[in-house]
Amino acid sequence: MSAEGPPSRTDPADGAAWADRYATEDPVLATARARATALGGPPPVAPSVGATLAVLAAGGNARTVVSIGSGGGVAGLWLLRGMRRDGVLTVLDTDPEQLRAARRALAEAGVAPGRTRLIFGTPAEVLPRLSPGAYDLVVCAAPPTEWSGHLPAVVGLVRPGGTLACHGLLAGDRIGDRAARDPETVAWRDLARTVREDEDLVSAVLPIGAGLLLATRRSPAR
């Protein structure tokens, strides 16, 4: 035994690892994850985050879902696990290689072509082409510097009662470090503050994976 003794039973790192093991991935998902990781760029969502996205999709009986950032198809495969069988997943990405990897992963999983729309382009280019208030779940899995400047349009996609899920705000534990002033950390701080202060949203942060910010749009009073 080391001088430091055995790891604590409440060690957050141990809990996070267990949560990722609990969220089992089939060979297609594991291959998609390895392929996306090899391409570089932002890492795909952790298994625990993917499972949470699937639960959100299932709990909301999601038929229309948008994913900003493809992550090689990892998030999309998890989302499709929870979505309705007649649901359509729209994925947009600025990285053509990641988008091609996502298309390949979806094909390997046997997902019918009519269930997905994969769009190459920036949020500024693509968001105006999407219908406001028409989506049950919107997932932001790309770096915040790519889309946080369009936050009103992103939130505007979510129907009343629908949910926005933003992945990555706790990466590197920088958001709580006042000395951290890099563009991504600043973008996360501004975004989290804006979401929390929006009276039309009910929000929370889940400390899983690289951190998941959730915000559900209130339904109008009856």
Protein backbone atom coordinates (compact mmCIF):
# COMPACT_ATOMS: atom_id res chain seq x y z
CA MET A 1 0.00 0.00 0.00
CA SER A 2 1.31 3.48 -0.81
CA ALA A 3 2.08 6.05 1.87
CA GLU A 4 -0.98 7.97 0.75
CA GLY A 5 -3.24 5.06 1.56
CA PRO A 6 -6.15 3.70 -0.48
CA PRO A 7 -8.24 6.08 -2.57
CA SER A 8 -11.21 7.65 -0.86
CA ARG A 9 -14.55 6.02 -1.51
CA THR A 10 -15.93 9.46 -2.31
CA ASP A 11 -13.15 10.47 -4.69
CA PRO A 12 -14.97 12.34 -7.51
CA ALA A 13 -12.58 10.89 -10.08
CA ASP A 14 -13.56 7.37 -9.02
CA GLY A 15 -17.24 8.28 -9.28
CA ALA A 16 -16.80 9.78 -12.73
CA ALA A 17 -14.98 6.69 -13.97
CA TRP A 18 -17.72 4.44 -12.58
CA ALA A 19 -20.40 6.58 -14.26
CA ASP A 20 -18.61 6.22 -17.60
CA ARG A 21 -18.37 2.44 -17.15
CA TYR A 22 -22.06 2.28 -16.26
CA ALA A 23 -22.94 3.94 -19.57
CA THR A 24 -21.99 1.02 -21.77
CA GLU A 25 -21.12 1.66 -25.40
CA ASP A 26 -21.59 -0.94 -28.11
CA PRO A 27 -18.80 -1.66 -30.65
CA VAL A 28 -20.19 0.87 -33.15
CA LEU A 29 -20.11 3.66 -30.55
CA ALA A 30 -16.66 2.61 -29.34
CA THR A 31 -15.37 2.70 -32.91
CA ALA A 32 -16.95 6.11 -33.51
CA ARG A 33 -15.29 7.43 -30.34
CA ALA A 34 -11.86 6.13 -31.35
CA ARG A 35 -12.24 7.58 -34.85
CA ALA A 36 -13.32 11.00 -33.57
CA THR A 37 -10.51 11.09 -31.03
CA ALA A 38 -7.94 10.24 -33.70
CA LEU A 39 -9.11 13.19 -35.79
CA GLY A 40 -8.20 15.61 -33.01
CA GLY A 41 -10.12 18.67 -31.99
CA PRO A 42 -12.58 18.77 -29.08
CA PRO A 43 -12.99 15.29 -27.56
CA PRO A 44 -16.37 13.63 -28.06
CA VAL A 45 -18.79 13.59 -25.14
CA ALA A 46 -17.95 11.13 -22.38
CA PRO A 47 -20.15 8.01 -22.07
CA SER A 48 -21.81 9.42 -18.93
CA VAL A 49 -22.72 12.58 -20.83
CA GLY A 50 -23.95 10.59 -23.82
CA ALA A 51 -26.18 8.48 -21.57
CA THR A 52 -27.56 11.66 -19.99
CA LEU A 53 -28.37 13.05 -23.43
CA ALA A 54 -30.18 9.81 -24.26
CA VAL A 55 -32.21 10.10 -21.04
CA LEU A 56 -33.09 13.72 -21.82
CA ALA A 57 -34.21 12.74 -25.32
CA ALA A 58 -36.28 9.84 -24.01
CA GLY A 59 -37.76 11.84 -21.13
CA GLY A 60 -38.80 14.61 -23.48
CA ASN A 61 -40.16 12.16 -26.05
CA ALA A 62 -37.89 14.04 -28.44
CA ARG A 63 -38.78 13.95 -32.11
CA THR A 64 -36.74 16.95 -33.28
CA VAL A 65 -33.17 17.40 -32.02
CA VAL A 66 -30.28 19.65 -33.06
CA SER A 67 -26.63 18.95 -32.26
CA ILE A 68 -24.15 21.79 -32.79
CA GLY A 69 -20.89 19.89 -33.22
CA SER A 70 -20.86 16.33 -34.47
CA GLY A 71 -18.02 14.84 -32.40
CA GLY A 72 -17.63 12.15 -35.03
CA GLY A 73 -21.17 10.95 -34.43
CA VAL A 74 -20.75 9.96 -30.78
CA ALA A 75 -23.30 12.41 -29.36
CA GLY A 76 -25.65 11.68 -32.25
CA LEU A 77 -25.63 7.93 -31.65
CA TRP A 78 -26.41 8.47 -27.98
CA LEU A 79 -29.20 10.93 -28.79
CA LEU A 80 -30.79 8.51 -31.25
CA ARG A 81 -30.91 5.89 -28.50
CA GLY A 82 -33.34 8.10 -26.61
CA MET A 83 -35.24 9.81 -29.42
CA ARG A 84 -38.54 8.63 -30.83
CA ARG A 85 -38.24 6.11 -33.63
CA ASP A 86 -39.70 8.66 -36.03
CA GLY A 87 -37.41 11.40 -34.74
CA VAL A 88 -35.02 13.42 -36.89
CA LEU A 89 -31.58 14.50 -35.71
CA THR A 90 -30.03 17.60 -37.28
CA VAL A 91 -26.24 17.88 -36.91
CA LEU A 92 -24.15 20.86 -37.93
CA ASP A 93 -20.37 21.14 -37.86
CA THR A 94 -17.61 23.37 -39.19
CA ASP A 95 -15.16 20.44 -39.43
CA PRO A 96 -15.74 18.40 -42.61
CA GLU A 97 -13.66 15.47 -41.35
CA GLN A 98 -15.68 15.15 -38.14
CA LEU A 99 -18.88 15.42 -40.15
CA ARG A 100 -17.74 12.65 -42.50
CA ALA A 101 -16.84 10.55 -39.48
CA ALA A 102 -20.32 11.15 -38.07
CA ARG A 103 -21.93 10.11 -41.34
CA ARG A 104 -19.86 6.92 -41.34
CA ALA A 105 -20.74 6.14 -37.72
CA LEU A 106 -24.45 6.59 -38.37
CA ALA A 107 -24.25 4.32 -41.40
CA GLU A 108 -22.38 1.65 -39.42
CA ALA A 109 -25.12 1.83 -36.78
CA GLY A 110 -27.76 1.20 -39.44
CA VAL A 111 -29.50 4.54 -38.90
CA ALA A 112 -31.91 5.23 -41.74
CA PRO A 113 -30.78 8.24 -43.84
CA GLY A 114 -34.14 9.93 -43.35
CA ARG A 115 -33.57 10.15 -39.59
CA THR A 116 -30.60 12.50 -39.83
CA ARG A 117 -29.61 15.77 -41.49
CA LEU A 118 -25.87 16.50 -41.49
CA ILE A 119 -25.06 20.09 -42.40
CA PHE A 120 -21.64 21.62 -42.99
CA GLY A 121 -21.45 25.25 -41.98
CA THR A 122 -21.01 27.75 -39.17
CA PRO A 123 -23.80 28.54 -36.69
CA ALA A 124 -24.08 31.98 -38.31
CA GLU A 125 -24.77 30.30 -41.65
CA VAL A 126 -26.99 27.44 -40.50
CA LEU A 127 -29.02 28.68 -37.53
CA PRO A 128 -31.14 31.12 -39.60
CA ARG A 129 -32.21 28.15 -41.74
CA LEU A 130 -33.65 26.27 -38.75
CA SER A 131 -37.19 26.84 -37.48
CA PRO A 132 -37.43 28.79 -34.19
CA GLY A 133 -39.23 27.03 -31.35
CA ALA A 134 -39.40 23.76 -33.28
CA TYR A 135 -36.91 21.57 -31.41
CA ASP A 136 -37.40 19.38 -28.36
CA LEU A 137 -33.71 19.27 -27.50
CA VAL A 138 -30.72 21.34 -28.63
CA VAL A 139 -27.24 20.06 -27.80
CA CYS A 140 -24.13 22.23 -28.06
CA ALA A 141 -21.07 19.98 -28.20
CA ALA A 142 -18.75 22.35 -30.07
CA PRO A 143 -16.38 24.88 -28.42
CA PRO A 144 -18.40 27.82 -27.07
CA THR A 145 -16.38 30.30 -29.12
CA GLU A 146 -18.06 28.82 -32.22
CA TRP A 147 -21.65 29.40 -31.13
CA SER A 148 -22.00 31.42 -27.91
CA GLY A 149 -22.18 34.65 -29.92
CA HIS A 150 -25.43 33.29 -31.36
CA LEU A 151 -26.92 32.21 -28.01
CA PRO A 152 -30.29 33.99 -28.53
CA ALA A 153 -30.76 32.09 -31.80
CA VAL A 154 -29.69 28.82 -30.17
CA VAL A 155 -32.11 29.25 -27.27
CA GLY A 156 -34.75 30.37 -29.74
CA LEU A 157 -34.68 26.96 -31.40
CA VAL A 158 -35.95 25.28 -28.22
CA ARG A 159 -39.69 24.84 -27.90
CA PRO A 160 -41.42 25.68 -24.59
CA GLY A 161 -40.78 22.71 -22.33
CA GLY A 162 -37.74 21.73 -24.39
CA THR A 163 -34.16 21.63 -23.18
CA LEU A 164 -30.79 23.11 -24.12
CA ALA A 165 -27.72 21.03 -23.18
CA CYS A 166 -24.23 22.59 -23.42
CA HIS A 167 -21.20 20.36 -22.93
CA GLY A 168 -17.73 21.38 -21.79
CA LEU A 169 -18.02 24.27 -19.34
CA LEU A 170 -16.07 22.47 -16.57
CA ALA A 171 -13.21 21.31 -18.80
CA GLY A 172 -9.86 21.81 -17.08
CA ASP A 173 -11.59 23.29 -14.00
CA ARG A 174 -10.88 26.74 -15.44
CA ILE A 175 -14.32 28.30 -15.10
CA GLY A 176 -13.85 28.76 -11.35
CA ASP A 177 -10.31 30.09 -11.69
CA ARG A 178 -10.50 33.89 -11.71
CA ALA A 179 -7.06 34.08 -13.28
CA ALA A 180 -8.18 32.05 -16.33
CA ARG A 181 -8.98 34.52 -19.11
CA ASP A 182 -8.61 32.40 -22.23
CA PRO A 183 -11.37 32.89 -24.85
CA GLU A 184 -13.17 29.61 -24.17
CA THR A 185 -13.31 30.11 -20.40
CA VAL A 186 -14.54 33.68 -20.80
CA ALA A 187 -17.17 32.47 -23.28
CA TRP A 188 -18.35 29.81 -20.84
CA ARG A 189 -18.59 32.28 -17.97
CA ASP A 190 -20.60 34.76 -20.03
CA LEU A 191 -22.84 32.04 -21.42
CA ALA A 192 -23.52 30.42 -18.03
CA ARG A 193 -24.35 33.82 -16.51
CA THR A 194 -26.71 34.68 -19.35
CA VAL A 195 -28.51 31.34 -19.10
CA ARG A 196 -28.86 31.58 -15.31
CA GLU A 197 -30.26 35.10 -15.49
CA ASP A 198 -32.78 34.30 -18.24
CA GLU A 199 -36.19 34.17 -16.52
CA ASP A 200 -37.55 31.99 -19.32
CA LEU A 201 -35.04 29.24 -18.50
CA VAL A 202 -34.61 26.87 -15.56
CA SER A 203 -30.97 25.78 -15.46
CA ALA A 204 -28.51 23.54 -13.66
CA VAL A 205 -24.94 22.26 -14.09
CA LEU A 206 -24.18 18.55 -13.93
CA PRO A 207 -20.53 17.74 -13.06
CA ILE A 208 -20.26 14.81 -15.46
CA GLY A 209 -17.76 14.45 -18.28
CA ALA A 210 -16.45 17.93 -19.03
CA GLY A 211 -19.53 19.48 -17.42
CA LEU A 212 -23.07 19.71 -18.75
CA LEU A 213 -25.09 22.92 -18.52
CA LEU A 214 -28.81 22.20 -18.83
CA ALA A 215 -31.57 24.74 -19.33
CA THR A 216 -35.25 23.98 -19.89
CA ARG A 217 -37.44 26.62 -21.48
CA ARG A 218 -40.49 27.39 -19.35
CA SER A 219 -43.88 26.66 -20.84
CA PRO A 220 -46.11 29.76 -21.11
CA ALA A 221 -48.58 30.28 -18.26
CA ARG A 222 -52.03 28.94 -18.94
